[in-house]
Amino acid sequence: MIIIHQIALYTHILVGAFALLLFWVPVFTRKGNRDHKKFGRYFAGAMYAISISGVLMSSMDLMFPLAMHAAGVELSAERAASVAREVREFGLFLLSLSILVLATTRHGWLTMLHREDRSILRQPVHIALNAALLLIGVVLLLVGLQSGSVLFVVFGVLQALTAYNHFRYIYRQEIRPREWWIQHLNGLIGSGIGAYTAFTVFGGRRFFEEIFVSNFESLSILLWVTPGVVGGVAIALLSRRYRNQFGGAWVSRRASIRSQLFN
């Protein structure tokens, strides 16, 4: 069991490091050209590997916290309970990030492949995945409110809102022209938010501790929520930009529908 956990961990770290760099290639290449599509596929594949390994690893942490992180170590009952609680809290957070990455990557990729056809998004697998994202977001929010963790509260709200927005797009009766493009963009940026947050919270912790030394504790929450805040602002600004860009077609379409109905 520990070997499986270690394989998942190394896969998560190695592929994650690759994905952090790969994320920027589709961002800066011209949208729709061959390089954008090719590196977009690579990024999506990397994010699937990261999320699946993260789900596996975090699930094992939640079920067997001491076996995964304190095997063979003699601990008092009080210390064992404390270690188990800490491992489970971070396991819950990693699980929530992994589901966020998986759901946003899949949503962003499918909307690009199928465009205005949303039937693929209504299939049980995608619905269940987003339901899991909504549930884990609510659980993380409640745990954060109980424990006083700002990090958990911020990402609990982010994950619940992401799932809500996915469902809203999936079941909305009428969508704007090229709304699929905005969903594709938001999905992949959301995936990047999850990857960079996982890096700052887990992989980059030691790196940031060495940089900020004694100030790390006071700055840690800022470092951890920064990817979510920056990514959220980027999503909002880009969504507004493209909605305005495609807005003329939307207004004309609605006017035409009204004209047909009332004339």
Protein backbone atom coordinates (compact mmCIF):
# COMPACT_ATOMS: atom_id res chain seq x y z
CA MET A 1 0.00 0.00 0.00
CA ILE A 2 2.82 2.41 0.83
CA ILE A 3 4.44 1.60 -2.53
CA ILE A 4 1.24 2.58 -4.34
CA HIS A 5 1.17 5.83 -2.36
CA GLN A 6 4.80 6.56 -3.24
CA ILE A 7 4.25 5.88 -6.94
CA ALA A 8 1.24 8.23 -6.90
CA LEU A 9 3.31 10.86 -5.06
CA TYR A 10 6.24 10.75 -7.48
CA THR A 11 3.88 10.80 -10.47
CA HIS A 12 2.08 13.77 -8.97
CA ILE A 13 5.30 15.70 -8.39
CA LEU A 14 7.01 14.94 -11.71
CA VAL A 15 4.00 15.47 -13.94
CA GLY A 16 2.97 18.48 -11.84
CA ALA A 17 6.32 20.20 -12.36
CA PHE A 18 5.97 19.64 -16.11
CA ALA A 19 2.38 20.95 -16.13
CA LEU A 20 3.26 24.15 -14.27
CA LEU A 21 5.50 25.14 -17.16
CA LEU A 22 3.30 23.67 -19.89
CA PHE A 23 0.30 25.71 -18.71
CA TRP A 24 1.78 28.90 -20.19
CA VAL A 25 2.34 27.57 -23.71
CA PRO A 26 -1.36 27.50 -24.71
CA VAL A 27 -1.84 30.79 -22.86
CA PHE A 28 0.68 32.64 -25.02
CA THR A 29 0.27 30.84 -28.34
CA ARG A 30 -2.30 32.05 -30.84
CA LYS A 31 -5.71 30.59 -30.01
CA GLY A 32 -6.83 27.89 -32.42
CA ASN A 33 -3.51 27.30 -34.19
CA ARG A 34 -1.73 23.96 -34.27
CA ASP A 35 0.66 24.68 -31.37
CA HIS A 36 -2.18 25.89 -29.16
CA LYS A 37 -4.15 22.71 -29.80
CA LYS A 38 -1.16 20.40 -29.49
CA PHE A 39 0.18 21.82 -26.24
CA GLY A 40 -3.38 22.16 -24.95
CA ARG A 41 -3.77 18.39 -25.35
CA TYR A 42 -0.48 17.83 -23.55
CA PHE A 43 -1.58 20.08 -20.71
CA ALA A 44 -4.97 18.37 -20.40
CA GLY A 45 -3.30 14.94 -20.34
CA ALA A 46 -0.87 16.09 -17.66
CA MET A 47 -3.72 17.50 -15.55
CA TYR A 48 -5.64 14.23 -15.79
CA ALA A 49 -2.57 12.37 -14.52
CA ILE A 50 -2.08 14.90 -11.70
CA SER A 51 -5.71 14.78 -10.59
CA ILE A 52 -6.02 10.98 -10.68
CA SER A 53 -2.77 10.49 -8.76
CA GLY A 54 -3.92 13.18 -6.31
CA VAL A 55 -7.27 11.46 -5.74
CA LEU A 56 -5.52 8.14 -5.14
CA MET A 57 -2.92 9.60 -2.78
CA SER A 58 -5.34 11.78 -0.79
CA SER A 59 -7.88 8.96 -0.46
CA MET A 60 -5.20 6.76 1.10
CA ASP A 61 -4.22 9.62 3.43
CA LEU A 62 -7.82 9.99 4.57
CA MET A 63 -8.29 6.27 5.17
CA PHE A 64 -4.85 5.35 6.56
CA PRO A 65 -3.15 8.56 7.78
CA LEU A 66 -0.68 6.96 10.18
CA ALA A 67 0.17 4.03 7.91
CA MET A 68 0.98 6.44 5.07
CA HIS A 69 2.99 9.01 7.07
CA ALA A 70 4.07 7.49 10.37
CA ALA A 71 4.63 3.83 9.63
CA GLY A 72 6.95 2.24 12.21
CA VAL A 73 7.06 5.39 14.35
CA GLU A 74 6.11 5.03 18.00
CA LEU A 75 3.65 7.73 19.00
CA SER A 76 1.62 8.41 22.10
CA ALA A 77 -2.13 8.17 21.71
CA GLU A 78 -2.46 11.94 21.87
CA ARG A 79 0.31 12.53 19.34
CA ALA A 80 -1.07 9.83 17.02
CA ALA A 81 -4.48 11.48 17.07
CA SER A 82 -2.91 14.86 16.32
CA VAL A 83 -0.86 13.50 13.41
CA ALA A 84 -3.86 11.65 11.99
CA ARG A 85 -5.99 14.79 12.17
CA GLU A 86 -3.35 16.91 10.44
CA VAL A 87 -2.78 14.34 7.68
CA ARG A 88 -6.53 14.02 7.10
CA GLU A 89 -7.02 17.79 6.89
CA PHE A 90 -4.36 18.14 4.22
CA GLY A 91 -5.64 14.96 2.58
CA LEU A 92 -9.09 16.53 2.35
CA PHE A 93 -7.64 19.68 0.82
CA LEU A 94 -5.57 17.73 -1.71
CA LEU A 95 -8.61 15.63 -2.60
CA SER A 96 -10.67 18.78 -3.17
CA LEU A 97 -7.96 20.29 -5.40
CA SER A 98 -7.63 17.04 -7.35
CA ILE A 99 -11.39 16.93 -8.00
CA LEU A 100 -11.31 20.63 -8.95
CA VAL A 101 -8.52 19.99 -11.47
CA LEU A 102 -10.25 16.91 -12.90
CA ALA A 103 -13.66 18.60 -13.21
CA THR A 104 -12.39 21.87 -14.70
CA THR A 105 -10.02 20.14 -17.13
CA ARG A 106 -12.73 17.80 -18.35
CA HIS A 107 -15.31 20.57 -18.60
CA GLY A 108 -12.95 22.89 -20.46
CA TRP A 109 -11.84 20.15 -22.83
CA LEU A 110 -15.32 18.79 -23.62
CA THR A 111 -16.79 22.23 -24.25
CA MET A 112 -14.05 22.90 -26.77
CA LEU A 113 -14.51 19.53 -28.52
CA HIS A 114 -18.31 19.64 -28.73
CA ARG A 115 -18.92 23.40 -28.73
CA GLU A 116 -22.67 24.18 -28.80
CA ASP A 117 -23.61 20.51 -28.29
CA ARG A 118 -23.97 20.17 -24.52
CA SER A 119 -25.39 16.63 -24.51
CA ILE A 120 -21.96 15.16 -23.70
CA LEU A 121 -21.86 17.33 -20.57
CA ARG A 122 -25.14 15.83 -19.37
CA GLN A 123 -23.84 12.30 -19.27
CA PRO A 124 -23.67 10.63 -15.82
CA VAL A 125 -19.86 10.72 -15.52
CA HIS A 126 -19.61 14.48 -15.94
CA ILE A 127 -22.64 15.17 -13.76
CA ALA A 128 -21.29 12.92 -11.00
CA LEU A 129 -17.88 14.57 -11.20
CA ASN A 130 -19.33 18.05 -10.78
CA ALA A 131 -21.64 16.84 -8.02
CA ALA A 132 -18.54 15.52 -6.24
CA LEU A 133 -16.87 18.92 -6.72
CA LEU A 134 -19.89 20.68 -5.21
CA LEU A 135 -20.02 18.26 -2.27
CA ILE A 136 -16.28 18.43 -1.49
CA GLY A 137 -16.44 22.23 -1.74
CA VAL A 138 -19.24 22.39 0.84
CA VAL A 139 -17.42 19.95 3.13
CA LEU A 140 -14.18 21.94 2.85
CA LEU A 141 -16.06 25.17 3.59
CA LEU A 142 -17.67 23.66 6.72
CA VAL A 143 -14.35 22.24 7.94
CA GLY A 144 -12.71 25.62 7.32
CA LEU A 145 -15.40 27.47 9.29
CA GLN A 146 -15.06 24.99 12.14
CA SER A 147 -11.26 25.06 12.25
CA GLY A 148 -10.83 28.75 11.36
CA SER A 149 -8.83 27.91 8.20
CA VAL A 150 -9.10 30.80 5.72
CA LEU A 151 -7.51 28.60 3.05
CA PHE A 152 -10.23 25.97 3.37
CA VAL A 153 -13.00 28.58 3.38
CA VAL A 154 -11.68 30.34 0.25
CA PHE A 155 -11.29 27.14 -1.73
CA GLY A 156 -14.51 25.63 -0.42
CA VAL A 157 -16.38 28.63 -1.82
CA LEU A 158 -14.34 28.55 -5.06
CA GLN A 159 -15.06 24.85 -5.66
CA ALA A 160 -18.77 25.14 -4.86
CA LEU A 161 -19.13 28.15 -7.19
CA THR A 162 -17.20 26.37 -9.95
CA ALA A 163 -19.54 23.37 -9.77
CA TYR A 164 -22.58 25.68 -9.70
CA ASN A 165 -21.35 27.54 -12.81
CA HIS A 166 -20.75 24.24 -14.62
CA PHE A 167 -24.27 23.04 -13.83
CA ARG A 168 -25.71 26.40 -14.82
CA TYR A 169 -24.03 26.18 -18.22
CA ILE A 170 -24.97 22.53 -18.70
CA TYR A 171 -28.69 23.00 -18.03
CA ARG A 172 -29.29 26.57 -19.15
CA GLN A 173 -32.07 26.62 -21.72
CA GLU A 174 -30.32 29.05 -24.04
CA ILE A 175 -26.63 29.97 -24.22
CA ARG A 176 -24.86 32.92 -25.75
CA PRO A 177 -23.03 32.59 -29.06
CA ARG A 178 -19.61 31.01 -28.53
CA GLU A 179 -20.26 30.61 -24.81
CA TRP A 180 -18.42 27.30 -25.18
CA TRP A 181 -15.22 29.29 -25.80
CA ILE A 182 -15.59 31.11 -22.47
CA GLN A 183 -16.30 27.80 -20.71
CA HIS A 184 -13.21 26.26 -22.32
CA LEU A 185 -11.08 29.19 -21.21
CA ASN A 186 -12.47 29.21 -17.67
CA GLY A 187 -12.08 25.46 -17.31
CA LEU A 188 -8.42 25.36 -18.23
CA ILE A 189 -7.58 28.44 -16.14
CA GLY A 190 -9.43 26.82 -13.23
CA SER A 191 -7.32 23.73 -13.76
CA GLY A 192 -4.19 25.88 -13.61
CA ILE A 193 -5.42 27.46 -10.35
CA GLY A 194 -5.64 24.01 -8.80
CA ALA A 195 -2.16 23.05 -10.01
CA TYR A 196 -0.45 26.22 -8.78
CA THR A 197 -2.29 26.11 -5.45
CA ALA A 198 -1.17 22.52 -4.90
CA PHE A 199 2.39 23.62 -5.65
CA THR A 200 2.36 26.55 -3.20
CA VAL A 201 0.67 24.56 -0.42
CA PHE A 202 2.49 21.25 -0.79
CA GLY A 203 5.44 21.15 -3.18
CA GLY A 204 6.56 24.76 -2.76
CA ARG A 205 6.21 24.95 1.02
CA ARG A 206 9.88 24.26 1.76
CA PHE A 207 10.98 26.54 -1.08
CA PHE A 208 8.94 29.47 0.27
CA GLU A 209 10.01 28.78 3.85
CA GLU A 210 13.66 29.22 2.82
CA ILE A 211 12.88 32.47 0.99
CA PHE A 212 10.72 34.14 3.63
CA VAL A 213 12.30 32.44 6.70
CA SER A 214 10.77 33.97 9.85
CA ASN A 215 8.04 35.78 7.92
CA PHE A 216 6.69 32.60 6.34
CA GLU A 217 3.94 31.96 8.90
CA SER A 218 2.46 35.43 8.49
CA LEU A 219 2.72 35.29 4.69
CA SER A 220 1.76 31.65 4.12
CA ILE A 221 -1.99 32.21 3.76
CA LEU A 222 -1.32 35.01 1.26
CA LEU A 223 0.93 32.74 -0.79
CA TRP A 224 -1.60 29.92 -0.73
CA VAL A 225 -4.65 31.92 -1.82
CA THR A 226 -2.80 34.03 -4.41
CA PRO A 227 -3.22 31.52 -7.30
CA GLY A 228 -6.96 31.36 -6.65
CA VAL A 229 -7.35 35.13 -6.41
CA VAL A 230 -5.21 35.87 -9.49
CA GLY A 231 -6.86 33.10 -11.47
CA GLY A 232 -10.34 34.20 -10.41
CA VAL A 233 -9.64 37.79 -11.49
CA ALA A 234 -8.22 36.55 -14.82
CA ILE A 235 -11.34 34.43 -15.42
CA ALA A 236 -13.64 37.36 -14.64
CA LEU A 237 -11.76 39.81 -16.88
CA LEU A 238 -11.37 37.44 -19.81
CA SER A 239 -14.98 36.28 -19.57
CA ARG A 240 -16.19 39.87 -19.67
CA ARG A 241 -13.88 40.66 -22.58
CA TYR A 242 -15.08 37.76 -24.72
CA ARG A 243 -18.74 38.24 -23.78
CA ASN A 244 -18.46 41.83 -24.95
CA GLN A 245 -16.67 40.66 -28.08
CA PHE A 246 -19.38 38.13 -28.89
CA GLY A 247 -22.19 40.33 -27.54
CA GLY A 248 -23.22 41.77 -30.89
CA ALA A 249 -24.18 38.36 -32.22
CA TRP A 250 -26.08 37.61 -29.01
CA VAL A 251 -28.12 40.83 -29.18
CA SER A 252 -28.92 40.28 -32.86
CA ARG A 253 -29.97 36.70 -32.21
CA ARG A 254 -32.34 37.65 -29.38
CA ALA A 255 -33.81 40.48 -31.44
CA SER A 256 -34.46 38.06 -34.29
CA ILE A 257 -36.19 35.61 -31.95
CA ARG A 258 -38.41 38.35 -30.51
CA SER A 259 -39.27 39.55 -34.02
CA GLN A 260 -40.35 36.07 -35.07
CA LEU A 261 -42.46 35.64 -31.94
CA PHE A 262 -44.31 38.95 -31.97
CA ASN A 263 -44.60 39.82 -35.64
